[in-house]
Amino acid sequence: QVQLVESGGGLVQAGDSLRLSCTASGRTFSNLVMGWFRQAPGKEREFVCGIIRSGLSTQYADSVKGRFTISRDNAKNILYLQMNSLKPEDTAVYYCAARDGHYSDYIPRDTVDMRYWGEGTLVTVSS
């Protein structure tokens, strides 16, 4: 099993920056393909970004491309999400997610393809 714990959420103003962290345990972190998803009130959970095991390749949703940066530190077992130029529409609960990447670095954009999930951290952006 993999345990994922997010931190770093909070209340910020539009245009501000925030960095989320996700600490993983229970499995070799460098074997996991990681991602961030978010769920706004009344909406379905959606893909935000993902990163392959080595950290050398990433993918982003169009809505965050150029503003958000995903990264990982395999030595510390931590996944990061740097969020800049935040907008009110970025308000959501942000979830860290993972899948075992033993045979593939495929980055899922569908929630059903991620096996492990954190409890989420709330990000609120005021206008």
Foldseek 3Di string as FASTA:
>chain_A
DKAKAKDWADEEAAQAKTKMKIAMDDDQLLQKKKFKWWDDPPGDIWGAKTAFSVRPDMDGDPVQPPFWDWGDDSVRRMIMIIGGRDDQVVWTWMKMFIDGRPPHRDDDGDPVRTDDIYPTDTHGYHD
